[in-house]
PDB file of N, CA and C in Angstrom:
ATOM      1  N   UNK A   1    -158.384-113.865 -23.323  1.00  0.00           N
ATOM      2  CA  UNK A   1    -157.121-114.303 -24.221  1.00  0.00           C
ATOM      3  C   UNK A   1    -157.798-114.389 -25.703  1.00  0.00           C
ATOM      4  N   UNK A   2    -156.828-113.820 -26.410  1.00  0.00           N
ATOM      5  CA  UNK A   2    -157.338-113.926 -27.690  1.00  0.00           C
ATOM      6  C   UNK A   2    -157.295-115.339 -28.368  1.00  0.00           C
ATOM      7  N   UNK A   3    -157.936-115.659 -29.329  1.00  0.00           N
ATOM      8  CA  UNK A   3    -158.375-116.952 -30.193  1.00  0.00           C
ATOM      9  C   UNK A   3    -156.785-117.066 -30.953  1.00  0.00           C
ATOM     10  N   UNK A   4    -156.448-118.116 -30.952  1.00  0.00           N
ATOM     11  CA  UNK A   4    -155.376-118.500 -32.072  1.00  0.00           C
ATOM     12  C   UNK A   4    -156.032-118.219 -33.443  1.00  0.00           C
ATOM     13  N   UNK A   5    -155.321-117.734 -34.193  1.00  0.00           N
ATOM     14  CA  UNK A   5    -155.504-117.865 -35.905  1.00  0.00           C
ATOM     15  C   UNK A   5    -155.723-119.130 -36.430  1.00  0.00           C
ATOM     16  N   UNK A   6    -156.944-119.355 -37.031  1.00  0.00           N
ATOM     17  CA  UNK A   6    -157.097-120.879 -37.542  1.00  0.00           C
ATOM     18  C   UNK A   6    -156.785-120.901 -38.934  1.00  0.00           C
ATOM     19  N   UNK A   7    -156.288-119.726 -39.593  1.00  0.00           N
ATOM     20  CA  UNK A   7    -155.978-119.941 -41.093  1.00  0.00           C
ATOM     21  C   UNK A   7    -154.207-119.942 -41.209  1.00  0.00           C
ATOM     22  N   UNK A   8    -153.657-120.215 -40.118  1.00  0.00           N
ATOM     23  CA  UNK A   8    -152.256-120.138 -40.212  1.00  0.00           C
ATOM     24  C   UNK A   8    -151.798-121.603 -40.742  1.00  0.00           C
ATOM     25  N   UNK A   9    -152.118-122.407 -40.036  1.00  0.00           N
ATOM     26  CA  UNK A   9    -151.829-124.037 -40.523  1.00  0.00           C
ATOM     27  C   UNK A   9    -152.693-125.036 -40.580  1.00  0.00           C
ATOM     28  N   UNK A  10    -152.241-126.285 -40.841  1.00  0.00           N
ATOM     29  CA  UNK A  10    -153.393-127.260 -41.030  1.00  0.00           C
ATOM     30  C   UNK A  10    -153.578-127.836 -39.527  1.00  0.00           C
ATOM     31  N   UNK A  11    -152.614-127.429 -38.660  1.00  0.00           N
ATOM     32  CA  UNK A  11    -152.725-127.689 -37.248  1.00  0.00           C
ATOM     33  C   UNK A  11    -153.969-127.082 -36.695  1.00  0.00           C
ATOM     34  N   UNK A  12    -154.049-125.694 -36.824  1.00  0.00           N
ATOM     35  CA  UNK A  12    -155.169-125.145 -36.358  1.00  0.00           C
ATOM     36  C   UNK A  12    -156.519-125.177 -37.181  1.00  0.00           C
ATOM     37  N   UNK A  13    -156.497-125.375 -38.467  1.00  0.00           N
ATOM     38  CA  UNK A  13    -157.457-125.630 -39.030  1.00  0.00           C
ATOM     39  C   UNK A  13    -158.257-126.829 -38.637  1.00  0.00           C
ATOM     40  N   UNK A  14    -157.725-127.957 -38.842  1.00  0.00           N
ATOM     41  CA  UNK A  14    -158.316-129.157 -38.018  1.00  0.00           C
ATOM     42  C   UNK A  14    -158.714-129.385 -36.667  1.00  0.00           C
ATOM     43  N   UNK A  15    -158.189-128.272 -35.956  1.00  0.00           N
ATOM     44  CA  UNK A  15    -158.566-128.489 -34.359  1.00  0.00           C
ATOM     45  C   UNK A  15    -160.093-128.026 -34.134  1.00  0.00           C
ATOM     46  N   UNK A  16    -160.976-127.708 -35.173  1.00  0.00           N
ATOM     47  CA  UNK A  16    -162.112-127.119 -35.497  1.00  0.00           C
ATOM     48  C   UNK A  16    -162.891-128.772 -35.770  1.00  0.00           C
ATOM     49  N   UNK A  17    -163.893-129.110 -34.761  1.00  0.00           N
ATOM     50  CA  UNK A  17    -164.571-130.455 -35.113  1.00  0.00           C
ATOM     51  C   UNK A  17    -165.252-130.482 -36.533  1.00  0.00           C
ATOM     52  N   UNK A  18    -165.968-129.361 -36.789  1.00  0.00           N
ATOM     53  CA  UNK A  18    -166.805-129.109 -37.897  1.00  0.00           C
ATOM     54  C   UNK A  18    -165.810-129.315 -39.329  1.00  0.00           C
ATOM     55  N   UNK A  19    -164.719-128.777 -39.020  1.00  0.00           N
ATOM     56  CA  UNK A  19    -163.907-128.752 -40.141  1.00  0.00           C
ATOM     57  C   UNK A  19    -163.433-130.238 -40.465  1.00  0.00           C
ATOM     58  N   UNK A  20    -163.122-130.839 -39.237  1.00  0.00           N
ATOM     59  CA  UNK A  20    -162.720-132.262 -39.721  1.00  0.00           C
ATOM     60  C   UNK A  20    -163.907-132.909 -40.190  1.00  0.00           C
ATOM     61  N   UNK A  21    -165.096-132.716 -39.826  1.00  0.00           N
ATOM     62  CA  UNK A  21    -166.210-133.486 -40.599  1.00  0.00           C
ATOM     63  C   UNK A  21    -166.126-133.136 -41.875  1.00  0.00           C
ATOM     64  N   UNK A  22    -166.282-132.150 -42.293  1.00  0.00           N
ATOM     65  CA  UNK A  22    -166.239-131.343 -43.801  1.00  0.00           C
ATOM     66  C   UNK A  22    -164.955-132.218 -44.597  1.00  0.00           C
ATOM     67  N   UNK A  23    -163.749-132.227 -43.992  1.00  0.00           N
ATOM     68  CA  UNK A  23    -162.760-133.100 -44.546  1.00  0.00           C
ATOM     69  C   UNK A  23    -162.945-134.503 -44.604  1.00  0.00           C
ATOM     70  N   UNK A  24    -163.639-135.178 -43.813  1.00  0.00           N
ATOM     71  CA  UNK A  24    -164.139-136.612 -43.626  1.00  0.00           C
ATOM     72  C   UNK A  24    -165.126-136.602 -45.121  1.00  0.00           C
ATOM     73  N   UNK A  25    -166.016-135.675 -45.062  1.00  0.00           N
ATOM     74  CA  UNK A  25    -166.832-135.852 -46.312  1.00  0.00           C
ATOM     75  C   UNK A  25    -166.266-135.636 -47.735  1.00  0.00           C
ATOM     76  N   UNK A  26    -165.306-134.635 -47.781  1.00  0.00           N
ATOM     77  CA  UNK A  26    -164.690-134.529 -48.816  1.00  0.00           C
ATOM     78  C   UNK A  26    -163.363-135.392 -49.399  1.00  0.00           C
ATOM     79  N   UNK A  27    -162.940-136.170 -48.175  1.00  0.00           N
ATOM     80  CA  UNK A  27    -162.162-137.512 -48.765  1.00  0.00           C
ATOM     81  C   UNK A  27    -162.915-138.390 -49.105  1.00  0.00           C
ATOM     82  N   UNK A  28    -164.230-138.625 -49.179  1.00  0.00           N
ATOM     83  CA  UNK A  28    -164.919-139.616 -49.583  1.00  0.00           C
ATOM     84  C   UNK A  28    -165.101-139.217 -51.066  1.00  0.00           C
ATOM     85  N   UNK A  29    -165.512-138.084 -51.440  1.00  0.00           N
ATOM     86  CA  UNK A  29    -165.837-137.570 -52.788  1.00  0.00           C
ATOM     87  C   UNK A  29    -165.782-136.256 -52.859  1.00  0.00           C
ATOM     88  N   UNK A  30    -165.808-135.625 -54.166  1.00  0.00           N
ATOM     89  CA  UNK A  30    -165.754-134.251 -54.536  1.00  0.00           C
ATOM     90  C   UNK A  30    -167.514-133.786 -54.096  1.00  0.00           C
ATOM     91  N   UNK A  31    -167.519-132.718 -53.564  1.00  0.00           N
ATOM     92  CA  UNK A  31    -168.995-132.373 -53.186  1.00  0.00           C
ATOM     93  C   UNK A  31    -169.056-130.918 -53.184  1.00  0.00           C
ATOM     94  N   UNK A  32    -170.382-130.298 -53.638  1.00  0.00           N
ATOM     95  CA  UNK A  32    -170.424-128.841 -53.510  1.00  0.00           C
ATOM     96  C   UNK A  32    -170.826-128.311 -52.187  1.00  0.00           C
ATOM     97  N   UNK A  33    -170.987-127.021 -51.999  1.00  0.00           N
ATOM     98  CA  UNK A  33    -171.432-126.448 -50.737  1.00  0.00           C
ATOM     99  C   UNK A  33    -172.832-127.106 -50.443  1.00  0.00           C
ATOM    100  N   UNK A  34    -173.553-127.041 -51.206  1.00  0.00           N
ATOM    101  CA  UNK A  34    -175.238-127.625 -51.124  1.00  0.00           C
ATOM    102  C   UNK A  34    -174.950-129.037 -50.512  1.00  0.00           C
ATOM    103  N   UNK A  35    -174.160-129.933 -51.369  1.00  0.00           N
ATOM    104  CA  UNK A  35    -174.350-131.107 -50.774  1.00  0.00           C
ATOM    105  C   UNK A  35    -173.723-131.332 -49.075  1.00  0.00           C
ATOM    106  N   UNK A  36    -172.637-130.463 -48.910  1.00  0.00           N
ATOM    107  CA  UNK A  36    -172.219-130.491 -47.416  1.00  0.00           C
ATOM    108  C   UNK A  36    -173.151-129.995 -46.524  1.00  0.00           C
ATOM    109  N   UNK A  37    -173.864-129.095 -46.936  1.00  0.00           N
ATOM    110  CA  UNK A  37    -174.996-128.587 -46.027  1.00  0.00           C
ATOM    111  C   UNK A  37    -176.054-129.776 -45.935  1.00  0.00           C
ATOM    112  N   UNK A  38    -176.399-130.318 -46.804  1.00  0.00           N
ATOM    113  CA  UNK A  38    -177.364-131.452 -46.771  1.00  0.00           C
ATOM    114  C   UNK A  38    -176.752-132.514 -45.831  1.00  0.00           C
ATOM    115  N   UNK A  39    -175.315-133.114 -46.110  1.00  0.00           N
ATOM    116  CA  UNK A  39    -174.913-133.979 -45.254  1.00  0.00           C
ATOM    117  C   UNK A  39    -174.739-133.705 -43.917  1.00  0.00           C
ATOM    118  N   UNK A  40    -174.370-132.370 -43.726  1.00  0.00           N
ATOM    119  CA  UNK A  40    -173.794-132.248 -42.263  1.00  0.00           C
ATOM    120  C   UNK A  40    -174.761-131.574 -41.549  1.00  0.00           C
ATOM    121  N   UNK A  41    -176.082-131.225 -42.288  1.00  0.00           N
ATOM    122  CA  UNK A  41    -177.142-130.328 -41.531  1.00  0.00           C
ATOM    123  C   UNK A  41    -176.622-129.033 -40.732  1.00  0.00           C
ATOM    124  N   UNK A  42    -175.929-128.309 -41.438  1.00  0.00           N
ATOM    125  CA  UNK A  42    -175.248-127.316 -41.015  1.00  0.00           C
ATOM    126  C   UNK A  42    -175.461-125.851 -42.091  1.00  0.00           C
ATOM    127  N   UNK A  43    -175.905-124.912 -41.534  1.00  0.00           N
ATOM    128  CA  UNK A  43    -176.140-123.740 -42.500  1.00  0.00           C
ATOM    129  C   UNK A  43    -175.142-123.572 -43.566  1.00  0.00           C
ATOM    130  N   UNK A  44    -175.566-122.726 -44.798  1.00  0.00           N
ATOM    131  CA  UNK A  44    -174.676-122.835 -45.737  1.00  0.00           C
ATOM    132  C   UNK A  44    -173.556-121.689 -45.368  1.00  0.00           C
ATOM    133  N   UNK A  45    -173.767-120.454 -44.519  1.00  0.00           N
ATOM    134  CA  UNK A  45    -172.923-119.802 -44.392  1.00  0.00           C
ATOM    135  C   UNK A  45    -171.658-120.357 -43.282  1.00  0.00           C
ATOM    136  N   UNK A  46    -172.083-121.178 -42.642  1.00  0.00           N
ATOM    137  CA  UNK A  46    -171.167-121.952 -41.729  1.00  0.00           C
ATOM    138  C   UNK A  46    -170.041-122.799 -42.737  1.00  0.00           C
ATOM    139  N   UNK A  47    -170.832-123.524 -43.393  1.00  0.00           N
ATOM    140  CA  UNK A  47    -169.757-124.594 -44.434  1.00  0.00           C
ATOM    141  C   UNK A  47    -169.232-123.860 -45.120  1.00  0.00           C
ATOM    142  N   UNK A  48    -169.386-122.538 -45.782  1.00  0.00           N
ATOM    143  CA  UNK A  48    -168.831-121.792 -46.781  1.00  0.00           C
ATOM    144  C   UNK A  48    -167.399-120.955 -45.821  1.00  0.00           C
ATOM    145  N   UNK A  49    -167.716-120.614 -44.438  1.00  0.00           N
ATOM    146  CA  UNK A  49    -166.537-120.215 -43.750  1.00  0.00           C
ATOM    147  C   UNK A  49    -165.638-121.047 -43.489  1.00  0.00           C
ATOM    148  N   UNK A  50    -165.944-122.415 -43.174  1.00  0.00           N
ATOM    149  CA  UNK A  50    -165.028-123.437 -42.946  1.00  0.00           C
ATOM    150  C   UNK A  50    -164.252-123.704 -44.303  1.00  0.00           C
ATOM    151  N   UNK A  51    -164.980-123.954 -45.339  1.00  0.00           N
ATOM    152  CA  UNK A  51    -164.473-124.307 -46.534  1.00  0.00           C
ATOM    153  C   UNK A  51    -163.292-123.224 -46.748  1.00  0.00           C
ATOM    154  N   UNK A  52    -163.615-122.047 -46.823  1.00  0.00           N
ATOM    155  CA  UNK A  52    -162.593-120.801 -46.631  1.00  0.00           C
ATOM    156  C   UNK A  52    -161.063-121.154 -46.095  1.00  0.00           C
ATOM    157  N   UNK A  53    -161.637-121.650 -44.657  1.00  0.00           N
ATOM    158  CA  UNK A  53    -160.322-121.699 -43.996  1.00  0.00           C
ATOM    159  C   UNK A  53    -159.562-122.842 -44.430  1.00  0.00           C
ATOM    160  N   UNK A  54    -160.413-123.921 -44.628  1.00  0.00           N
ATOM    161  CA  UNK A  54    -159.687-125.168 -45.266  1.00  0.00           C
ATOM    162  C   UNK A  54    -158.762-124.901 -46.649  1.00  0.00           C
ATOM    163  N   UNK A  55    -159.409-124.103 -47.495  1.00  0.00           N
ATOM    164  CA  UNK A  55    -158.606-123.558 -48.399  1.00  0.00           C
ATOM    165  C   UNK A  55    -157.688-122.676 -48.306  1.00  0.00           C
ATOM    166  N   UNK A  56    -157.381-121.969 -47.375  1.00  0.00           N
ATOM    167  CA  UNK A  56    -156.452-121.028 -47.094  1.00  0.00           C
ATOM    168  C   UNK A  56    -155.283-122.178 -46.432  1.00  0.00           C
ATOM    169  N   UNK A  57    -155.282-123.124 -45.986  1.00  0.00           N
ATOM    170  CA  UNK A  57    -154.169-123.786 -45.714  1.00  0.00           C
ATOM    171  C   UNK A  57    -153.774-124.668 -46.534  1.00  0.00           C
ATOM    172  N   UNK A  58    -154.501-125.026 -47.407  1.00  0.00           N
ATOM    173  CA  UNK A  58    -154.550-125.941 -48.619  1.00  0.00           C
ATOM    174  C   UNK A  58    -154.884-127.378 -48.501  1.00  0.00           C
ATOM    175  N   UNK A  59    -155.932-127.505 -47.584  1.00  0.00           N
ATOM    176  CA  UNK A  59    -156.420-128.892 -47.161  1.00  0.00           C
ATOM    177  C   UNK A  59    -157.735-129.117 -48.194  1.00  0.00           C
ATOM    178  N   UNK A  60    -158.204-127.952 -48.693  1.00  0.00           N
ATOM    179  CA  UNK A  60    -159.324-128.258 -49.816  1.00  0.00           C
ATOM    180  C   UNK A  60    -159.018-127.555 -51.072  1.00  0.00           C
ATOM    181  N   UNK A  61    -159.251-128.199 -52.178  1.00  0.00           N
ATOM    182  CA  UNK A  61    -159.225-127.552 -53.147  1.00  0.00           C
ATOM    183  C   UNK A  61    -160.481-127.371 -53.950  1.00  0.00           C
ATOM    184  N   UNK A  62    -160.807-126.451 -54.950  1.00  0.00           N
ATOM    185  CA  UNK A  62    -162.145-126.289 -55.579  1.00  0.00           C
ATOM    186  C   UNK A  62    -161.752-126.152 -57.111  1.00  0.00           C
ATOM    187  N   UNK A  63    -162.800-126.737 -57.678  1.00  0.00           N
ATOM    188  CA  UNK A  63    -162.887-126.575 -59.278  1.00  0.00           C
ATOM    189  C   UNK A  63    -164.450-126.337 -59.516  1.00  0.00           C
ATOM    190  N   UNK A  64    -164.433-125.467 -60.603  1.00  0.00           N
ATOM    191  CA  UNK A  64    -165.573-124.978 -61.441  1.00  0.00           C
ATOM    192  C   UNK A  64    -166.103-126.045 -62.354  1.00  0.00           C
ATOM    193  N   UNK A  65    -167.442-126.381 -62.088  1.00  0.00           N
ATOM    194  CA  UNK A  65    -168.270-127.287 -62.827  1.00  0.00           C
ATOM    195  C   UNK A  65    -169.537-126.545 -63.311  1.00  0.00           C
ATOM    196  N   UNK A  66    -169.430-125.815 -64.182  1.00  0.00           N
ATOM    197  CA  UNK A  66    -170.606-125.007 -64.673  1.00  0.00           C
ATOM    198  C   UNK A  66    -171.165-124.074 -63.914  1.00  0.00           C
ATOM    199  N   UNK A  67    -172.074-124.136 -63.214  1.00  0.00           N
ATOM    200  CA  UNK A  67    -172.332-123.073 -62.293  1.00  0.00           C
ATOM    201  C   UNK A  67    -171.906-123.646 -60.955  1.00  0.00           C
ATOM    202  N   UNK A  68    -171.634-124.695 -60.756  1.00  0.00           N
ATOM    203  CA  UNK A  68    -171.251-125.330 -59.253  1.00  0.00           C
ATOM    204  C   UNK A  68    -169.814-125.153 -59.182  1.00  0.00           C
ATOM    205  N   UNK A  69    -169.492-125.081 -57.661  1.00  0.00           N
ATOM    206  CA  UNK A  69    -168.026-125.168 -57.337  1.00  0.00           C
ATOM    207  C   UNK A  69    -168.034-126.358 -56.780  1.00  0.00           C
ATOM    208  N   UNK A  70    -167.040-127.430 -56.870  1.00  0.00           N
ATOM    209  CA  UNK A  70    -166.725-128.510 -56.419  1.00  0.00           C
ATOM    210  C   UNK A  70    -165.655-128.538 -55.455  1.00  0.00           C
ATOM    211  N   UNK A  71    -165.754-129.138 -54.255  1.00  0.00           N
ATOM    212  CA  UNK A  71    -164.670-129.048 -53.261  1.00  0.00           C
ATOM    213  C   UNK A  71    -164.144-130.559 -53.168  1.00  0.00           C
ATOM    214  N   UNK A  72    -162.785-130.536 -52.841  1.00  0.00           N
ATOM    215  CA  UNK A  72    -162.221-131.833 -52.646  1.00  0.00           C
ATOM    216  C   UNK A  72    -161.189-131.775 -51.737  1.00  0.00           C
ATOM    217  N   UNK A  73    -160.602-132.854 -50.830  1.00  0.00           N
ATOM    218  CA  UNK A  73    -159.950-132.801 -49.625  1.00  0.00           C
ATOM    219  C   UNK A  73    -158.512-132.821 -50.415  1.00  0.00           C
ATOM    220  N   UNK A  74    -157.457-132.409 -50.103  1.00  0.00           N
ATOM    221  CA  UNK A  74    -156.086-132.424 -50.359  1.00  0.00           C
ATOM    222  C   UNK A  74    -155.236-132.819 -49.171  1.00  0.00           C
ATOM    223  N   UNK A  75    -154.874-134.136 -48.761  1.00  0.00           N
ATOM    224  CA  UNK A  75    -154.135-134.689 -47.747  1.00  0.00           C
ATOM    225  C   UNK A  75    -152.621-134.288 -47.524  1.00  0.00           C
ATOM    226  N   UNK A  76    -152.154-133.530 -48.805  1.00  0.00           N
ATOM    227  CA  UNK A  76    -150.782-133.250 -48.696  1.00  0.00           C
ATOM    228  C   UNK A  76    -150.379-132.458 -47.244  1.00  0.00           C
ATOM    229  N   UNK A  77    -151.255-131.226 -46.848  1.00  0.00           N
ATOM    230  CA  UNK A  77    -150.964-130.598 -45.722  1.00  0.00           C
ATOM    231  C   UNK A  77    -151.047-131.513 -44.511  1.00  0.00           C
ATOM    232  N   UNK A  78    -151.491-132.562 -44.659  1.00  0.00           N
ATOM    233  CA  UNK A  78    -151.875-133.543 -43.114  1.00  0.00           C
ATOM    234  C   UNK A  78    -150.767-134.202 -43.318  1.00  0.00           C
ATOM    235  N   UNK A  79    -149.709-134.562 -44.229  1.00  0.00           N
ATOM    236  CA  UNK A  79    -148.336-135.204 -43.837  1.00  0.00           C
ATOM    237  C   UNK A  79    -147.847-134.638 -42.678  1.00  0.00           C
ATOM    238  N   UNK A  80    -147.612-133.260 -42.457  1.00  0.00           N
ATOM    239  CA  UNK A  80    -147.082-132.649 -41.310  1.00  0.00           C
ATOM    240  C   UNK A  80    -147.586-133.372 -40.025  1.00  0.00           C
ATOM    241  N   UNK A  81    -149.007-133.055 -39.910  1.00  0.00           N
ATOM    242  CA  UNK A  81    -149.611-133.611 -38.643  1.00  0.00           C
ATOM    243  C   UNK A  81    -149.349-135.023 -38.317  1.00  0.00           C
ATOM    244  N   UNK A  82    -149.384-136.107 -39.486  1.00  0.00           N
ATOM    245  CA  UNK A  82    -149.198-137.470 -39.452  1.00  0.00           C
ATOM    246  C   UNK A  82    -147.707-137.403 -39.074  1.00  0.00           C
ATOM    247  N   UNK A  83    -146.725-136.716 -39.405  1.00  0.00           N
ATOM    248  CA  UNK A  83    -145.351-136.845 -38.790  1.00  0.00           C
ATOM    249  C   UNK A  83    -145.170-136.591 -37.306  1.00  0.00           C
ATOM    250  N   UNK A  84    -146.115-135.609 -37.082  1.00  0.00           N
ATOM    251  CA  UNK A  84    -145.976-135.160 -35.459  1.00  0.00           C
ATOM    252  C   UNK A  84    -146.524-135.785 -34.407  1.00  0.00           C
ATOM    253  N   UNK A  85    -147.596-136.533 -35.161  1.00  0.00           N
ATOM    254  CA  UNK A  85    -148.400-137.530 -34.137  1.00  0.00           C
ATOM    255  C   UNK A  85    -147.407-138.754 -33.984  1.00  0.00           C
ATOM    256  N   UNK A  86    -146.853-139.133 -35.112  1.00  0.00           N
ATOM    257  CA  UNK A  86    -146.003-140.372 -35.472  1.00  0.00           C
ATOM    258  C   UNK A  86    -145.078-140.439 -34.329  1.00  0.00           C
ATOM    259  N   UNK A  87    -144.383-139.144 -33.797  1.00  0.00           N
ATOM    260  CA  UNK A  87    -143.539-138.968 -32.692  1.00  0.00           C
ATOM    261  C   UNK A  87    -143.875-139.631 -31.298  1.00  0.00           C
ATOM    262  N   UNK A  88    -145.356-139.654 -31.346  1.00  0.00           N
ATOM    263  CA  UNK A  88    -145.792-139.802 -29.980  1.00  0.00           C
ATOM    264  C   UNK A  88    -146.269-141.245 -30.037  1.00  0.00           C
ATOM    265  N   UNK A  89    -146.400-141.875 -31.173  1.00  0.00           N
ATOM    266  CA  UNK A  89    -146.986-143.289 -31.041  1.00  0.00           C
ATOM    267  C   UNK A  89    -146.206-144.277 -30.321  1.00  0.00           C
ATOM    268  N   UNK A  90    -144.523-144.031 -30.351  1.00  0.00           N
ATOM    269  CA  UNK A  90    -143.876-145.022 -29.631  1.00  0.00           C
ATOM    270  C   UNK A  90    -144.208-145.020 -28.207  1.00  0.00           C
ATOM    271  N   UNK A  91    -144.304-143.602 -27.668  1.00  0.00           N
ATOM    272  CA  UNK A  91    -144.372-143.465 -26.311  1.00  0.00           C
ATOM    273  C   UNK A  91    -145.667-143.791 -25.908  1.00  0.00           C
ATOM    274  N   UNK A  92    -146.848-143.923 -26.753  1.00  0.00           N
ATOM    275  CA  UNK A  92    -148.016-144.652 -26.180  1.00  0.00           C
ATOM    276  C   UNK A  92    -148.313-146.054 -26.363  1.00  0.00           C
ATOM    277  N   UNK A  93    -147.489-146.669 -27.299  1.00  0.00           N
ATOM    278  CA  UNK A  93    -147.317-147.999 -27.451  1.00  0.00           C
ATOM    279  C   UNK A  93    -146.740-148.570 -26.132  1.00  0.00           C
ATOM    280  N   UNK A  94    -145.644-147.792 -25.921  1.00  0.00           N
ATOM    281  CA  UNK A  94    -144.860-148.517 -24.597  1.00  0.00           C
ATOM    282  C   UNK A  94    -145.759-148.204 -23.141  1.00  0.00           C
ATOM    283  N   UNK A  95    -146.429-147.406 -23.130  1.00  0.00           N
ATOM    284  CA  UNK A  95    -147.500-147.068 -21.949  1.00  0.00           C
ATOM    285  C   UNK A  95    -148.487-148.262 -21.930  1.00  0.00           C
ATOM    286  N   UNK A  96    -149.007-148.499 -23.277  1.00  0.00           N
ATOM    287  CA  UNK A  96    -150.054-149.442 -23.274  1.00  0.00           C
ATOM    288  C   UNK A  96    -149.353-150.980 -23.192  1.00  0.00           C
ATOM    289  N   UNK A  97    -148.084-151.202 -23.476  1.00  0.00           N
ATOM    290  CA  UNK A  97    -147.490-152.450 -23.199  1.00  0.00           C
ATOM    291  C   UNK A  97    -147.339-152.727 -21.689  1.00  0.00           C
ATOM    292  N   UNK A  98    -146.917-151.538 -21.013  1.00  0.00           N
ATOM    293  CA  UNK A  98    -146.910-151.700 -19.683  1.00  0.00           C
ATOM    294  C   UNK A  98    -148.048-151.833 -18.858  1.00  0.00           C
ATOM    295  N   UNK A  99    -149.446-151.224 -19.261  1.00  0.00           N
ATOM    296  CA  UNK A  99    -150.599-151.413 -18.862  1.00  0.00           C
ATOM    297  C   UNK A  99    -151.200-153.106 -18.940  1.00  0.00           C
ATOM    298  N   UNK A 100    -150.758-153.537 -20.199  1.00  0.00           N
ATOM    299  CA  UNK A 100    -151.015-154.932 -20.495  1.00  0.00           C
ATOM    300  C   UNK A 100    -150.243-155.791 -19.689  1.00  0.00           C
ATOM    301  N   UNK A 101    -149.007-155.737 -19.449  1.00  0.00           N
ATOM    302  CA  UNK A 101    -148.172-156.433 -18.616  1.00  0.00           C
ATOM    303  C   UNK A 101    -148.771-156.487 -17.027  1.00  0.00           C
ATOM    304  N   UNK A 102    -149.072-155.194 -16.768  1.00  0.00           N
ATOM    305  CA  UNK A 102    -149.730-155.194 -15.446  1.00  0.00           C
ATOM    306  C   UNK A 102    -151.095-155.890 -15.318  1.00  0.00           C
ATOM    307  N   UNK A 103    -151.864-155.708 -16.296  1.00  0.00           N
ATOM    308  CA  UNK A 103    -153.122-156.310 -16.168  1.00  0.00           C
ATOM    309  C   UNK A 103    -152.859-158.101 -16.490  1.00  0.00           C
ATOM    310  N   UNK A 104    -151.901-158.432 -17.004  1.00  0.00           N
ATOM    311  CA  UNK A 104    -151.360-159.917 -17.278  1.00  0.00           C
ATOM    312  C   UNK A 104    -151.284-160.360 -15.663  1.00  0.00           C
ATOM    313  N   UNK A 105    -150.311-159.565 -14.903  1.00  0.00           N
ATOM    314  CA  UNK A 105    -149.914-159.995 -13.501  1.00  0.00           C
ATOM    315  C   UNK A 105    -151.015-159.966 -12.818  1.00  0.00           C
ATOM    316  N   UNK A 106    -152.045-159.332 -12.928  1.00  0.00           N
ATOM    317  CA  UNK A 106    -153.308-159.180 -11.876  1.00  0.00           C
ATOM    318  C   UNK A 106    -153.972-160.519 -12.483  1.00  0.00           C
ATOM    319  N   UNK A 107    -154.130-160.945 -13.640  1.00  0.00           N
ATOM    320  CA  UNK A 107    -154.893-161.992 -14.106  1.00  0.00           C
ATOM    321  C   UNK A 107    -154.270-163.344 -13.332  1.00  0.00           C
ATOM    322  N   UNK A 108    -152.912-163.258 -13.351  1.00  0.00           N
ATOM    323  CA  UNK A 108    -152.168-164.505 -12.959  1.00  0.00           C
ATOM    324  C   UNK A 108    -152.045-164.580 -11.523  1.00  0.00           C
ATOM    325  N   UNK A 109    -152.133-163.403 -10.544  1.00  0.00           N
ATOM    326  CA  UNK A 109    -151.826-163.512  -9.309  1.00  0.00           C
ATOM    327  C   UNK A 109    -153.196-163.236  -8.516  1.00  0.00           C
ATOM    328  N   UNK A 110    -153.698-164.296  -7.730  1.00  0.00           N
ATOM    329  CA  UNK A 110    -155.021-164.060  -6.976  1.00  0.00           C
ATOM    330  C   UNK A 110    -155.104-162.855  -6.063  1.00  0.00           C
ATOM    331  N   UNK A 111    -153.530-162.930  -5.404  1.00  0.00           N
ATOM    332  CA  UNK A 111    -153.400-161.534  -4.476  1.00  0.00           C
ATOM    333  C   UNK A 111    -153.364-160.135  -5.045  1.00  0.00           C
ATOM    334  N   UNK A 112    -153.041-160.157  -6.309  1.00  0.00           N
ATOM    335  CA  UNK A 112    -153.412-158.987  -6.631  1.00  0.00           C
ATOM    336  C   UNK A 112    -154.647-158.419  -6.961  1.00  0.00           C
ATOM    337  N   UNK A 113    -155.721-159.302  -7.057  1.00  0.00           N
ATOM    338  CA  UNK A 113    -157.139-159.031  -7.569  1.00  0.00           C
ATOM    339  C   UNK A 113    -157.644-158.249  -6.300  1.00  0.00           C
ATOM    340  N   UNK A 114    -158.670-157.037  -6.577  1.00  0.00           N
ATOM    341  CA  UNK A 114    -159.204-156.448  -5.549  1.00  0.00           C
ATOM    342  C   UNK A 114    -160.428-157.380  -4.888  1.00  0.00           C
ATOM    343  N   UNK A 115    -160.558-157.248  -3.550  1.00  0.00           N
ATOM    344  CA  UNK A 115    -161.541-157.735  -3.111  1.00  0.00           C
ATOM    345  C   UNK A 115    -162.897-157.340  -3.124  1.00  0.00           C
ATOM    346  N   UNK A 116    -164.216-157.641  -2.766  1.00  0.00           N
ATOM    347  CA  UNK A 116    -165.516-156.825  -2.991  1.00  0.00           C
ATOM    348  C   UNK A 116    -165.252-155.279  -2.598  1.00  0.00           C
ATOM    349  N   UNK A 117    -164.400-154.900  -1.651  1.00  0.00           N
ATOM    350  CA  UNK A 117    -164.340-153.244  -1.432  1.00  0.00           C
ATOM    351  C   UNK A 117    -163.564-152.441  -2.221  1.00  0.00           C
ATOM    352  N   UNK A 118    -163.036-153.181  -3.021  1.00  0.00           N
ATOM    353  CA  UNK A 118    -162.064-152.665  -4.280  1.00  0.00           C
ATOM    354  C   UNK A 118    -160.459-152.623  -3.580  1.00  0.00           C
ATOM    355  N   UNK A 119    -160.272-153.393  -2.387  1.00  0.00           N
ATOM    356  CA  UNK A 119    -158.943-153.366  -1.832  1.00  0.00           C
ATOM    357  C   UNK A 119    -158.177-154.423  -2.275  1.00  0.00           C
ATOM    358  N   UNK A 120    -156.754-154.279  -2.223  1.00  0.00           N
ATOM    359  CA  UNK A 120    -156.038-155.589  -2.939  1.00  0.00           C
ATOM    360  C   UNK A 120    -155.688-156.367  -1.464  1.00  0.00           C
ATOM    361  N   UNK A 121    -155.607-157.585  -1.666  1.00  0.00           N
ATOM    362  CA  UNK A 121    -155.242-158.086  -0.447  1.00  0.00           C
ATOM    363  C   UNK A 121    -153.729-158.613  -0.350  1.00  0.00           C
TER     364      UNK A 121
END
């Protein structure tokens, strides 16, 4: 099966854990490739490859500072991801509320507690 293109959108780009680490580092402050290499303990070609992908989808901006190129995160493309995840927040909150209710009922009812063998009385 062919791999999905990682440069098509922010969703695919942030699916890679190393790219999320780079974004986290750049969210704190602007950094050069060398600083990212030291911070993340990753080879320079790997960092450069991930920065290229992040730039292509608009998650990272670059500016020249003399001989250095400084990178910074641009959160605007993450708004689409935030909106998409937000649709599921209500679903998860409802499920967690049901679990909370069940746990409260178990605490209140001695019959609902499992015995030593893990069986309910």
